[in-house]
PDBML (XML) file of the C-alpha atoms, coordinates in Angstrom:
<?xml version="1.0" encoding="UTF-8" ?>
<PDBx:datablock datablockName="MODEL"
   xmlns:PDBx="http://pdbml.pdb.org/schema/pdbx-v50.xsd"
   xmlns:xsi="http://www.w3.org/2001/XMLSchema-instance"
   xsi:schemaLocation="http://pdbml.pdb.org/schema/pdbx-v50.xsd pdbx-v50.xsd">
   <PDBx:atom_siteCategory>
      <PDBx:atom_site id="1">
         <PDBx:B_iso_or_equiv>0.00</PDBx:B_iso_or_equiv>
         <PDBx:Cartn_x>-6.884</PDBx:Cartn_x>
         <PDBx:Cartn_y>-11.132</PDBx:Cartn_y>
         <PDBx:Cartn_z>15.942</PDBx:Cartn_z>
         <PDBx:auth_asym_id>A</PDBx:auth_asym_id>
         <PDBx:auth_atom_id>CA</PDBx:auth_atom_id>
         <PDBx:auth_comp_id>ARG</PDBx:auth_comp_id>
         <PDBx:auth_seq_id>1</PDBx:auth_seq_id>
         <PDBx:group_PDB>ATOM</PDBx:group_PDB>
         <PDBx:label_alt_id xsi:nil="true" />
         <PDBx:label_asym_id>A</PDBx:label_asym_id>
         <PDBx:label_atom_id>CA</PDBx:label_atom_id>
         <PDBx:label_comp_id>ARG</PDBx:label_comp_id>
         <PDBx:label_entity_id>1</PDBx:label_entity_id>
         <PDBx:label_seq_id>1</PDBx:label_seq_id>
         <PDBx:occupancy>1.00</PDBx:occupancy>
         <PDBx:pdbx_PDB_model_num>1</PDBx:pdbx_PDB_model_num>
         <PDBx:type_symbol>C</PDBx:type_symbol>
      </PDBx:atom_site>
      <PDBx:atom_site id="2">
         <PDBx:B_iso_or_equiv>0.00</PDBx:B_iso_or_equiv>
         <PDBx:Cartn_x>-5.709</PDBx:Cartn_x>
         <PDBx:Cartn_y>-9.203</PDBx:Cartn_y>
         <PDBx:Cartn_z>12.639</PDBx:Cartn_z>
         <PDBx:auth_asym_id>A</PDBx:auth_asym_id>
         <PDBx:auth_atom_id>CA</PDBx:auth_atom_id>
         <PDBx:auth_comp_id>THR</PDBx:auth_comp_id>
         <PDBx:auth_seq_id>2</PDBx:auth_seq_id>
         <PDBx:group_PDB>ATOM</PDBx:group_PDB>
         <PDBx:label_alt_id xsi:nil="true" />
         <PDBx:label_asym_id>A</PDBx:label_asym_id>
         <PDBx:label_atom_id>CA</PDBx:label_atom_id>
         <PDBx:label_comp_id>THR</PDBx:label_comp_id>
         <PDBx:label_entity_id>1</PDBx:label_entity_id>
         <PDBx:label_seq_id>2</PDBx:label_seq_id>
         <PDBx:occupancy>1.00</PDBx:occupancy>
         <PDBx:pdbx_PDB_model_num>1</PDBx:pdbx_PDB_model_num>
         <PDBx:type_symbol>C</PDBx:type_symbol>
      </PDBx:atom_site>
      <PDBx:atom_site id="3">
         <PDBx:B_iso_or_equiv>0.00</PDBx:B_iso_or_equiv>
         <PDBx:Cartn_x>-9.200</PDBx:Cartn_x>
         <PDBx:Cartn_y>-8.221</PDBx:Cartn_y>
         <PDBx:Cartn_z>11.399</PDBx:Cartn_z>
         <PDBx:auth_asym_id>A</PDBx:auth_asym_id>
         <PDBx:auth_atom_id>CA</PDBx:auth_atom_id>
         <PDBx:auth_comp_id>ILE</PDBx:auth_comp_id>
         <PDBx:auth_seq_id>3</PDBx:auth_seq_id>
         <PDBx:group_PDB>ATOM</PDBx:group_PDB>
         <PDBx:label_alt_id xsi:nil="true" />
         <PDBx:label_asym_id>A</PDBx:label_asym_id>
         <PDBx:label_atom_id>CA</PDBx:label_atom_id>
         <PDBx:label_comp_id>ILE</PDBx:label_comp_id>
         <PDBx:label_entity_id>1</PDBx:label_entity_id>
         <PDBx:label_seq_id>3</PDBx:label_seq_id>
         <PDBx:occupancy>1.00</PDBx:occupancy>
         <PDBx:pdbx_PDB_model_num>1</PDBx:pdbx_PDB_model_num>
         <PDBx:type_symbol>C</PDBx:type_symbol>
      </PDBx:atom_site>
      <PDBx:atom_site id="4">
         <PDBx:B_iso_or_equiv>0.00</PDBx:B_iso_or_equiv>
         <PDBx:Cartn_x>-8.058</PDBx:Cartn_x>
         <PDBx:Cartn_y>-7.600</PDBx:Cartn_y>
         <PDBx:Cartn_z>7.962</PDBx:Cartn_z>
         <PDBx:auth_asym_id>A</PDBx:auth_asym_id>
         <PDBx:auth_atom_id>CA</PDBx:auth_atom_id>
         <PDBx:auth_comp_id>VAL</PDBx:auth_comp_id>
         <PDBx:auth_seq_id>4</PDBx:auth_seq_id>
         <PDBx:group_PDB>ATOM</PDBx:group_PDB>
         <PDBx:label_alt_id xsi:nil="true" />
         <PDBx:label_asym_id>A</PDBx:label_asym_id>
         <PDBx:label_atom_id>CA</PDBx:label_atom_id>
         <PDBx:label_comp_id>VAL</PDBx:label_comp_id>
         <PDBx:label_entity_id>1</PDBx:label_entity_id>
         <PDBx:label_seq_id>4</PDBx:label_seq_id>
         <PDBx:occupancy>1.00</PDBx:occupancy>
         <PDBx:pdbx_PDB_model_num>1</PDBx:pdbx_PDB_model_num>
         <PDBx:type_symbol>C</PDBx:type_symbol>
      </PDBx:atom_site>
      <PDBx:atom_site id="5">
         <PDBx:B_iso_or_equiv>0.00</PDBx:B_iso_or_equiv>
         <PDBx:Cartn_x>-7.136</PDBx:Cartn_x>
         <PDBx:Cartn_y>-10.481</PDBx:Cartn_y>
         <PDBx:Cartn_z>6.294</PDBx:Cartn_z>
         <PDBx:auth_asym_id>A</PDBx:auth_asym_id>
         <PDBx:auth_atom_id>CA</PDBx:auth_atom_id>
         <PDBx:auth_comp_id>GLU</PDBx:auth_comp_id>
         <PDBx:auth_seq_id>5</PDBx:auth_seq_id>
         <PDBx:group_PDB>ATOM</PDBx:group_PDB>
         <PDBx:label_alt_id xsi:nil="true" />
         <PDBx:label_asym_id>A</PDBx:label_asym_id>
         <PDBx:label_atom_id>CA</PDBx:label_atom_id>
         <PDBx:label_comp_id>GLU</PDBx:label_comp_id>
         <PDBx:label_entity_id>1</PDBx:label_entity_id>
         <PDBx:label_seq_id>5</PDBx:label_seq_id>
         <PDBx:occupancy>1.00</PDBx:occupancy>
         <PDBx:pdbx_PDB_model_num>1</PDBx:pdbx_PDB_model_num>
         <PDBx:type_symbol>C</PDBx:type_symbol>
      </PDBx:atom_site>
      <PDBx:atom_site id="6">
         <PDBx:B_iso_or_equiv>0.00</PDBx:B_iso_or_equiv>
         <PDBx:Cartn_x>-7.607</PDBx:Cartn_x>
         <PDBx:Cartn_y>-9.804</PDBx:Cartn_y>
         <PDBx:Cartn_z>2.852</PDBx:Cartn_z>
         <PDBx:auth_asym_id>A</PDBx:auth_asym_id>
         <PDBx:auth_atom_id>CA</PDBx:auth_atom_id>
         <PDBx:auth_comp_id>ARG</PDBx:auth_comp_id>
         <PDBx:auth_seq_id>6</PDBx:auth_seq_id>
         <PDBx:group_PDB>ATOM</PDBx:group_PDB>
         <PDBx:label_alt_id xsi:nil="true" />
         <PDBx:label_asym_id>A</PDBx:label_asym_id>
         <PDBx:label_atom_id>CA</PDBx:label_atom_id>
         <PDBx:label_comp_id>ARG</PDBx:label_comp_id>
         <PDBx:label_entity_id>1</PDBx:label_entity_id>
         <PDBx:label_seq_id>6</PDBx:label_seq_id>
         <PDBx:occupancy>1.00</PDBx:occupancy>
         <PDBx:pdbx_PDB_model_num>1</PDBx:pdbx_PDB_model_num>
         <PDBx:type_symbol>C</PDBx:type_symbol>
      </PDBx:atom_site>
      <PDBx:atom_site id="7">
         <PDBx:B_iso_or_equiv>0.00</PDBx:B_iso_or_equiv>
         <PDBx:Cartn_x>-5.112</PDBx:Cartn_x>
         <PDBx:Cartn_y>-6.946</PDBx:Cartn_y>
         <PDBx:Cartn_z>1.798</PDBx:Cartn_z>
         <PDBx:auth_asym_id>A</PDBx:auth_asym_id>
         <PDBx:auth_atom_id>CA</PDBx:auth_atom_id>
         <PDBx:auth_comp_id>VAL</PDBx:auth_comp_id>
         <PDBx:auth_seq_id>7</PDBx:auth_seq_id>
         <PDBx:group_PDB>ATOM</PDBx:group_PDB>
         <PDBx:label_alt_id xsi:nil="true" />
         <PDBx:label_asym_id>A</PDBx:label_asym_id>
         <PDBx:label_atom_id>CA</PDBx:label_atom_id>
         <PDBx:label_comp_id>VAL</PDBx:label_comp_id>
         <PDBx:label_entity_id>1</PDBx:label_entity_id>
         <PDBx:label_seq_id>7</PDBx:label_seq_id>
         <PDBx:occupancy>1.00</PDBx:occupancy>
         <PDBx:pdbx_PDB_model_num>1</PDBx:pdbx_PDB_model_num>
         <PDBx:type_symbol>C</PDBx:type_symbol>
      </PDBx:atom_site>
      <PDBx:atom_site id="8">
         <PDBx:B_iso_or_equiv>0.00</PDBx:B_iso_or_equiv>
         <PDBx:Cartn_x>-4.956</PDBx:Cartn_x>
         <PDBx:Cartn_y>-5.617</PDBx:Cartn_y>
         <PDBx:Cartn_z>-1.934</PDBx:Cartn_z>
         <PDBx:auth_asym_id>A</PDBx:auth_asym_id>
         <PDBx:auth_atom_id>CA</PDBx:auth_atom_id>
         <PDBx:auth_comp_id>LYS</PDBx:auth_comp_id>
         <PDBx:auth_seq_id>8</PDBx:auth_seq_id>
         <PDBx:group_PDB>ATOM</PDBx:group_PDB>
         <PDBx:label_alt_id xsi:nil="true" />
         <PDBx:label_asym_id>A</PDBx:label_asym_id>
         <PDBx:label_atom_id>CA</PDBx:label_atom_id>
         <PDBx:label_comp_id>LYS</PDBx:label_comp_id>
         <PDBx:label_entity_id>1</PDBx:label_entity_id>
         <PDBx:label_seq_id>8</PDBx:label_seq_id>
         <PDBx:occupancy>1.00</PDBx:occupancy>
         <PDBx:pdbx_PDB_model_num>1</PDBx:pdbx_PDB_model_num>
         <PDBx:type_symbol>C</PDBx:type_symbol>
      </PDBx:atom_site>
      <PDBx:atom_site id="9">
         <PDBx:B_iso_or_equiv>0.00</PDBx:B_iso_or_equiv>
         <PDBx:Cartn_x>-1.778</PDBx:Cartn_x>
         <PDBx:Cartn_y>-6.013</PDBx:Cartn_y>
         <PDBx:Cartn_z>-3.194</PDBx:Cartn_z>
         <PDBx:auth_asym_id>A</PDBx:auth_asym_id>
         <PDBx:auth_atom_id>CA</PDBx:auth_atom_id>
         <PDBx:auth_comp_id>GLN</PDBx:auth_comp_id>
         <PDBx:auth_seq_id>9</PDBx:auth_seq_id>
         <PDBx:group_PDB>ATOM</PDBx:group_PDB>
         <PDBx:label_alt_id xsi:nil="true" />
         <PDBx:label_asym_id>A</PDBx:label_asym_id>
         <PDBx:label_atom_id>CA</PDBx:label_atom_id>
         <PDBx:label_comp_id>GLN</PDBx:label_comp_id>
         <PDBx:label_entity_id>1</PDBx:label_entity_id>
         <PDBx:label_seq_id>9</PDBx:label_seq_id>
         <PDBx:occupancy>1.00</PDBx:occupancy>
         <PDBx:pdbx_PDB_model_num>1</PDBx:pdbx_PDB_model_num>
         <PDBx:type_symbol>C</PDBx:type_symbol>
      </PDBx:atom_site>
      <PDBx:atom_site id="10">
         <PDBx:B_iso_or_equiv>0.00</PDBx:B_iso_or_equiv>
         <PDBx:Cartn_x>-2.196</PDBx:Cartn_x>
         <PDBx:Cartn_y>-3.604</PDBx:Cartn_y>
         <PDBx:Cartn_z>-5.771</PDBx:Cartn_z>
         <PDBx:auth_asym_id>A</PDBx:auth_asym_id>
         <PDBx:auth_atom_id>CA</PDBx:auth_atom_id>
         <PDBx:auth_comp_id>GLU</PDBx:auth_comp_id>
         <PDBx:auth_seq_id>10</PDBx:auth_seq_id>
         <PDBx:group_PDB>ATOM</PDBx:group_PDB>
         <PDBx:label_alt_id xsi:nil="true" />
         <PDBx:label_asym_id>A</PDBx:label_asym_id>
         <PDBx:label_atom_id>CA</PDBx:label_atom_id>
         <PDBx:label_comp_id>GLU</PDBx:label_comp_id>
         <PDBx:label_entity_id>1</PDBx:label_entity_id>
         <PDBx:label_seq_id>10</PDBx:label_seq_id>
         <PDBx:occupancy>1.00</PDBx:occupancy>
         <PDBx:pdbx_PDB_model_num>1</PDBx:pdbx_PDB_model_num>
         <PDBx:type_symbol>C</PDBx:type_symbol>
      </PDBx:atom_site>
      <PDBx:atom_site id="11">
         <PDBx:B_iso_or_equiv>0.00</PDBx:B_iso_or_equiv>
         <PDBx:Cartn_x>-3.645</PDBx:Cartn_x>
         <PDBx:Cartn_y>-0.655</PDBx:Cartn_y>
         <PDBx:Cartn_z>-3.698</PDBx:Cartn_z>
         <PDBx:auth_asym_id>A</PDBx:auth_asym_id>
         <PDBx:auth_atom_id>CA</PDBx:auth_atom_id>
         <PDBx:auth_comp_id>ARG</PDBx:auth_comp_id>
         <PDBx:auth_seq_id>11</PDBx:auth_seq_id>
         <PDBx:group_PDB>ATOM</PDBx:group_PDB>
         <PDBx:label_alt_id xsi:nil="true" />
         <PDBx:label_asym_id>A</PDBx:label_asym_id>
         <PDBx:label_atom_id>CA</PDBx:label_atom_id>
         <PDBx:label_comp_id>ARG</PDBx:label_comp_id>
         <PDBx:label_entity_id>1</PDBx:label_entity_id>
         <PDBx:label_seq_id>11</PDBx:label_seq_id>
         <PDBx:occupancy>1.00</PDBx:occupancy>
         <PDBx:pdbx_PDB_model_num>1</PDBx:pdbx_PDB_model_num>
         <PDBx:type_symbol>C</PDBx:type_symbol>
      </PDBx:atom_site>
      <PDBx:atom_site id="12">
         <PDBx:B_iso_or_equiv>0.00</PDBx:B_iso_or_equiv>
         <PDBx:Cartn_x>-0.620</PDBx:Cartn_x>
         <PDBx:Cartn_y>-0.890</PDBx:Cartn_y>
         <PDBx:Cartn_z>-1.387</PDBx:Cartn_z>
         <PDBx:auth_asym_id>A</PDBx:auth_asym_id>
         <PDBx:auth_atom_id>CA</PDBx:auth_atom_id>
         <PDBx:auth_comp_id>LEU</PDBx:auth_comp_id>
         <PDBx:auth_seq_id>12</PDBx:auth_seq_id>
         <PDBx:group_PDB>ATOM</PDBx:group_PDB>
         <PDBx:label_alt_id xsi:nil="true" />
         <PDBx:label_asym_id>A</PDBx:label_asym_id>
         <PDBx:label_atom_id>CA</PDBx:label_atom_id>
         <PDBx:label_comp_id>LEU</PDBx:label_comp_id>
         <PDBx:label_entity_id>1</PDBx:label_entity_id>
         <PDBx:label_seq_id>12</PDBx:label_seq_id>
         <PDBx:occupancy>1.00</PDBx:occupancy>
         <PDBx:pdbx_PDB_model_num>1</PDBx:pdbx_PDB_model_num>
         <PDBx:type_symbol>C</PDBx:type_symbol>
      </PDBx:atom_site>
      <PDBx:atom_site id="13">
         <PDBx:B_iso_or_equiv>0.00</PDBx:B_iso_or_equiv>
         <PDBx:Cartn_x>1.766</PDBx:Cartn_x>
         <PDBx:Cartn_y>-1.058</PDBx:Cartn_y>
         <PDBx:Cartn_z>-4.405</PDBx:Cartn_z>
         <PDBx:auth_asym_id>A</PDBx:auth_asym_id>
         <PDBx:auth_atom_id>CA</PDBx:auth_atom_id>
         <PDBx:auth_comp_id>ALA</PDBx:auth_comp_id>
         <PDBx:auth_seq_id>13</PDBx:auth_seq_id>
         <PDBx:group_PDB>ATOM</PDBx:group_PDB>
         <PDBx:label_alt_id xsi:nil="true" />
         <PDBx:label_asym_id>A</PDBx:label_asym_id>
         <PDBx:label_atom_id>CA</PDBx:label_atom_id>
         <PDBx:label_comp_id>ALA</PDBx:label_comp_id>
         <PDBx:label_entity_id>1</PDBx:label_entity_id>
         <PDBx:label_seq_id>13</PDBx:label_seq_id>
         <PDBx:occupancy>1.00</PDBx:occupancy>
         <PDBx:pdbx_PDB_model_num>1</PDBx:pdbx_PDB_model_num>
         <PDBx:type_symbol>C</PDBx:type_symbol>
      </PDBx:atom_site>
      <PDBx:atom_site id="14">
         <PDBx:B_iso_or_equiv>0.00</PDBx:B_iso_or_equiv>
         <PDBx:Cartn_x>0.708</PDBx:Cartn_x>
         <PDBx:Cartn_y>2.144</PDBx:Cartn_y>
         <PDBx:Cartn_z>-5.800</PDBx:Cartn_z>
         <PDBx:auth_asym_id>A</PDBx:auth_asym_id>
         <PDBx:auth_atom_id>CA</PDBx:auth_atom_id>
         <PDBx:auth_comp_id>ALA</PDBx:auth_comp_id>
         <PDBx:auth_seq_id>14</PDBx:auth_seq_id>
         <PDBx:group_PDB>ATOM</PDBx:group_PDB>
         <PDBx:label_alt_id xsi:nil="true" />
         <PDBx:label_asym_id>A</PDBx:label_asym_id>
         <PDBx:label_atom_id>CA</PDBx:label_atom_id>
         <PDBx:label_comp_id>ALA</PDBx:label_comp_id>
         <PDBx:label_entity_id>1</PDBx:label_entity_id>
         <PDBx:label_seq_id>14</PDBx:label_seq_id>
         <PDBx:occupancy>1.00</PDBx:occupancy>
         <PDBx:pdbx_PDB_model_num>1</PDBx:pdbx_PDB_model_num>
         <PDBx:type_symbol>C</PDBx:type_symbol>
      </PDBx:atom_site>
      <PDBx:atom_site id="15">
         <PDBx:B_iso_or_equiv>0.00</PDBx:B_iso_or_equiv>
         <PDBx:Cartn_x>0.555</PDBx:Cartn_x>
         <PDBx:Cartn_y>3.594</PDBx:Cartn_y>
         <PDBx:Cartn_z>-2.097</PDBx:Cartn_z>
         <PDBx:auth_asym_id>A</PDBx:auth_asym_id>
         <PDBx:auth_atom_id>CA</PDBx:auth_atom_id>
         <PDBx:auth_comp_id>GLN</PDBx:auth_comp_id>
         <PDBx:auth_seq_id>15</PDBx:auth_seq_id>
         <PDBx:group_PDB>ATOM</PDBx:group_PDB>
         <PDBx:label_alt_id xsi:nil="true" />
         <PDBx:label_asym_id>A</PDBx:label_asym_id>
         <PDBx:label_atom_id>CA</PDBx:label_atom_id>
         <PDBx:label_comp_id>GLN</PDBx:label_comp_id>
         <PDBx:label_entity_id>1</PDBx:label_entity_id>
         <PDBx:label_seq_id>15</PDBx:label_seq_id>
         <PDBx:occupancy>1.00</PDBx:occupancy>
         <PDBx:pdbx_PDB_model_num>1</PDBx:pdbx_PDB_model_num>
         <PDBx:type_symbol>C</PDBx:type_symbol>
      </PDBx:atom_site>
      <PDBx:atom_site id="16">
         <PDBx:B_iso_or_equiv>0.00</PDBx:B_iso_or_equiv>
         <PDBx:Cartn_x>4.094</PDBx:Cartn_x>
         <PDBx:Cartn_y>2.942</PDBx:Cartn_y>
         <PDBx:Cartn_z>-2.211</PDBx:Cartn_z>
         <PDBx:auth_asym_id>A</PDBx:auth_asym_id>
         <PDBx:auth_atom_id>CA</PDBx:auth_atom_id>
         <PDBx:auth_comp_id>ILE</PDBx:auth_comp_id>
         <PDBx:auth_seq_id>16</PDBx:auth_seq_id>
         <PDBx:group_PDB>ATOM</PDBx:group_PDB>
         <PDBx:label_alt_id xsi:nil="true" />
         <PDBx:label_asym_id>A</PDBx:label_asym_id>
         <PDBx:label_atom_id>CA</PDBx:label_atom_id>
         <PDBx:label_comp_id>ILE</PDBx:label_comp_id>
         <PDBx:label_entity_id>1</PDBx:label_entity_id>
         <PDBx:label_seq_id>16</PDBx:label_seq_id>
         <PDBx:occupancy>1.00</PDBx:occupancy>
         <PDBx:pdbx_PDB_model_num>1</PDBx:pdbx_PDB_model_num>
         <PDBx:type_symbol>C</PDBx:type_symbol>
      </PDBx:atom_site>
      <PDBx:atom_site id="17">
         <PDBx:B_iso_or_equiv>0.00</PDBx:B_iso_or_equiv>
         <PDBx:Cartn_x>4.760</PDBx:Cartn_x>
         <PDBx:Cartn_y>4.287</PDBx:Cartn_y>
         <PDBx:Cartn_z>-5.647</PDBx:Cartn_z>
         <PDBx:auth_asym_id>A</PDBx:auth_asym_id>
         <PDBx:auth_atom_id>CA</PDBx:auth_atom_id>
         <PDBx:auth_comp_id>VAL</PDBx:auth_comp_id>
         <PDBx:auth_seq_id>17</PDBx:auth_seq_id>
         <PDBx:group_PDB>ATOM</PDBx:group_PDB>
         <PDBx:label_alt_id xsi:nil="true" />
         <PDBx:label_asym_id>A</PDBx:label_asym_id>
         <PDBx:label_atom_id>CA</PDBx:label_atom_id>
         <PDBx:label_comp_id>VAL</PDBx:label_comp_id>
         <PDBx:label_entity_id>1</PDBx:label_entity_id>
         <PDBx:label_seq_id>17</PDBx:label_seq_id>
         <PDBx:occupancy>1.00</PDBx:occupancy>
         <PDBx:pdbx_PDB_model_num>1</PDBx:pdbx_PDB_model_num>
         <PDBx:type_symbol>C</PDBx:type_symbol>
      </PDBx:atom_site>
      <PDBx:atom_site id="18">
         <PDBx:B_iso_or_equiv>0.00</PDBx:B_iso_or_equiv>
         <PDBx:Cartn_x>2.776</PDBx:Cartn_x>
         <PDBx:Cartn_y>7.539</PDBx:Cartn_y>
         <PDBx:Cartn_z>-4.958</PDBx:Cartn_z>
         <PDBx:auth_asym_id>A</PDBx:auth_asym_id>
         <PDBx:auth_atom_id>CA</PDBx:auth_atom_id>
         <PDBx:auth_comp_id>GLU</PDBx:auth_comp_id>
         <PDBx:auth_seq_id>18</PDBx:auth_seq_id>
         <PDBx:group_PDB>ATOM</PDBx:group_PDB>
         <PDBx:label_alt_id xsi:nil="true" />
         <PDBx:label_asym_id>A</PDBx:label_asym_id>
         <PDBx:label_atom_id>CA</PDBx:label_atom_id>
         <PDBx:label_comp_id>GLU</PDBx:label_comp_id>
         <PDBx:label_entity_id>1</PDBx:label_entity_id>
         <PDBx:label_seq_id>18</PDBx:label_seq_id>
         <PDBx:occupancy>1.00</PDBx:occupancy>
         <PDBx:pdbx_PDB_model_num>1</PDBx:pdbx_PDB_model_num>
         <PDBx:type_symbol>C</PDBx:type_symbol>
      </PDBx:atom_site>
      <PDBx:atom_site id="19">
         <PDBx:B_iso_or_equiv>0.00</PDBx:B_iso_or_equiv>
         <PDBx:Cartn_x>4.845</PDBx:Cartn_x>
         <PDBx:Cartn_y>7.686</PDBx:Cartn_y>
         <PDBx:Cartn_z>-1.382</PDBx:Cartn_z>
         <PDBx:auth_asym_id>A</PDBx:auth_asym_id>
         <PDBx:auth_atom_id>CA</PDBx:auth_atom_id>
         <PDBx:auth_comp_id>ALA</PDBx:auth_comp_id>
         <PDBx:auth_seq_id>19</PDBx:auth_seq_id>
         <PDBx:group_PDB>ATOM</PDBx:group_PDB>
         <PDBx:label_alt_id xsi:nil="true" />
         <PDBx:label_asym_id>A</PDBx:label_asym_id>
         <PDBx:label_atom_id>CA</PDBx:label_atom_id>
         <PDBx:label_comp_id>ALA</PDBx:label_comp_id>
         <PDBx:label_entity_id>1</PDBx:label_entity_id>
         <PDBx:label_seq_id>19</PDBx:label_seq_id>
         <PDBx:occupancy>1.00</PDBx:occupancy>
         <PDBx:pdbx_PDB_model_num>1</PDBx:pdbx_PDB_model_num>
         <PDBx:type_symbol>C</PDBx:type_symbol>
      </PDBx:atom_site>
      <PDBx:atom_site id="20">
         <PDBx:B_iso_or_equiv>0.00</PDBx:B_iso_or_equiv>
         <PDBx:Cartn_x>8.284</PDBx:Cartn_x>
         <PDBx:Cartn_y>7.495</PDBx:Cartn_y>
         <PDBx:Cartn_z>-3.276</PDBx:Cartn_z>
         <PDBx:auth_asym_id>A</PDBx:auth_asym_id>
         <PDBx:auth_atom_id>CA</PDBx:auth_atom_id>
         <PDBx:auth_comp_id>CYS</PDBx:auth_comp_id>
         <PDBx:auth_seq_id>20</PDBx:auth_seq_id>
         <PDBx:group_PDB>ATOM</PDBx:group_PDB>
         <PDBx:label_alt_id xsi:nil="true" />
         <PDBx:label_asym_id>A</PDBx:label_asym_id>
         <PDBx:label_atom_id>CA</PDBx:label_atom_id>
         <PDBx:label_comp_id>CYS</PDBx:label_comp_id>
         <PDBx:label_entity_id>1</PDBx:label_entity_id>
         <PDBx:label_seq_id>20</PDBx:label_seq_id>
         <PDBx:occupancy>1.00</PDBx:occupancy>
         <PDBx:pdbx_PDB_model_num>1</PDBx:pdbx_PDB_model_num>
         <PDBx:type_symbol>C</PDBx:type_symbol>
      </PDBx:atom_site>
      <PDBx:atom_site id="21">
         <PDBx:B_iso_or_equiv>0.00</PDBx:B_iso_or_equiv>
         <PDBx:Cartn_x>7.101</PDBx:Cartn_x>
         <PDBx:Cartn_y>10.049</PDBx:Cartn_y>
         <PDBx:Cartn_z>-5.887</PDBx:Cartn_z>
         <PDBx:auth_asym_id>A</PDBx:auth_asym_id>
         <PDBx:auth_atom_id>CA</PDBx:auth_atom_id>
         <PDBx:auth_comp_id>GLU</PDBx:auth_comp_id>
         <PDBx:auth_seq_id>21</PDBx:auth_seq_id>
         <PDBx:group_PDB>ATOM</PDBx:group_PDB>
         <PDBx:label_alt_id xsi:nil="true" />
         <PDBx:label_asym_id>A</PDBx:label_asym_id>
         <PDBx:label_atom_id>CA</PDBx:label_atom_id>
         <PDBx:label_comp_id>GLU</PDBx:label_comp_id>
         <PDBx:label_entity_id>1</PDBx:label_entity_id>
         <PDBx:label_seq_id>21</PDBx:label_seq_id>
         <PDBx:occupancy>1.00</PDBx:occupancy>
         <PDBx:pdbx_PDB_model_num>1</PDBx:pdbx_PDB_model_num>
         <PDBx:type_symbol>C</PDBx:type_symbol>
      </PDBx:atom_site>
      <PDBx:atom_site id="22">
         <PDBx:B_iso_or_equiv>0.00</PDBx:B_iso_or_equiv>
         <PDBx:Cartn_x>6.538</PDBx:Cartn_x>
         <PDBx:Cartn_y>12.611</PDBx:Cartn_y>
         <PDBx:Cartn_z>-3.251</PDBx:Cartn_z>
         <PDBx:auth_asym_id>A</PDBx:auth_asym_id>
         <PDBx:auth_atom_id>CA</PDBx:auth_atom_id>
         <PDBx:auth_comp_id>GLN</PDBx:auth_comp_id>
         <PDBx:auth_seq_id>22</PDBx:auth_seq_id>
         <PDBx:group_PDB>ATOM</PDBx:group_PDB>
         <PDBx:label_alt_id xsi:nil="true" />
         <PDBx:label_asym_id>A</PDBx:label_asym_id>
         <PDBx:label_atom_id>CA</PDBx:label_atom_id>
         <PDBx:label_comp_id>GLN</PDBx:label_comp_id>
         <PDBx:label_entity_id>1</PDBx:label_entity_id>
         <PDBx:label_seq_id>22</PDBx:label_seq_id>
         <PDBx:occupancy>1.00</PDBx:occupancy>
         <PDBx:pdbx_PDB_model_num>1</PDBx:pdbx_PDB_model_num>
         <PDBx:type_symbol>C</PDBx:type_symbol>
      </PDBx:atom_site>
      <PDBx:atom_site id="23">
         <PDBx:B_iso_or_equiv>0.00</PDBx:B_iso_or_equiv>
         <PDBx:Cartn_x>9.550</PDBx:Cartn_x>
         <PDBx:Cartn_y>11.637</PDBx:Cartn_y>
         <PDBx:Cartn_z>-0.628</PDBx:Cartn_z>
         <PDBx:auth_asym_id>A</PDBx:auth_asym_id>
         <PDBx:auth_atom_id>CA</PDBx:auth_atom_id>
         <PDBx:auth_comp_id>CYS</PDBx:auth_comp_id>
         <PDBx:auth_seq_id>23</PDBx:auth_seq_id>
         <PDBx:group_PDB>ATOM</PDBx:group_PDB>
         <PDBx:label_alt_id xsi:nil="true" />
         <PDBx:label_asym_id>A</PDBx:label_asym_id>
         <PDBx:label_atom_id>CA</PDBx:label_atom_id>
         <PDBx:label_comp_id>CYS</PDBx:label_comp_id>
         <PDBx:label_entity_id>1</PDBx:label_entity_id>
         <PDBx:label_seq_id>23</PDBx:label_seq_id>
         <PDBx:occupancy>1.00</PDBx:occupancy>
         <PDBx:pdbx_PDB_model_num>1</PDBx:pdbx_PDB_model_num>
         <PDBx:type_symbol>C</PDBx:type_symbol>
      </PDBx:atom_site>
      <PDBx:atom_site id="24">
         <PDBx:B_iso_or_equiv>0.00</PDBx:B_iso_or_equiv>
         <PDBx:Cartn_x>11.925</PDBx:Cartn_x>
         <PDBx:Cartn_y>11.240</PDBx:Cartn_y>
         <PDBx:Cartn_z>-3.359</PDBx:Cartn_z>
         <PDBx:auth_asym_id>A</PDBx:auth_asym_id>
         <PDBx:auth_atom_id>CA</PDBx:auth_atom_id>
         <PDBx:auth_comp_id>GLY</PDBx:auth_comp_id>
         <PDBx:auth_seq_id>24</PDBx:auth_seq_id>
         <PDBx:group_PDB>ATOM</PDBx:group_PDB>
         <PDBx:label_alt_id xsi:nil="true" />
         <PDBx:label_asym_id>A</PDBx:label_asym_id>
         <PDBx:label_atom_id>CA</PDBx:label_atom_id>
         <PDBx:label_comp_id>GLY</PDBx:label_comp_id>
         <PDBx:label_entity_id>1</PDBx:label_entity_id>
         <PDBx:label_seq_id>24</PDBx:label_seq_id>
         <PDBx:occupancy>1.00</PDBx:occupancy>
         <PDBx:pdbx_PDB_model_num>1</PDBx:pdbx_PDB_model_num>
         <PDBx:type_symbol>C</PDBx:type_symbol>
      </PDBx:atom_site>
   </PDBx:atom_siteCategory>
</PDBx:datablock>
């Protein structure tokens, strides 16, 4: 039942970096 099957890994990787920068 997953609606979103195409995941943009580069965008998620950028989200990870930004979150790490902010949370320490």
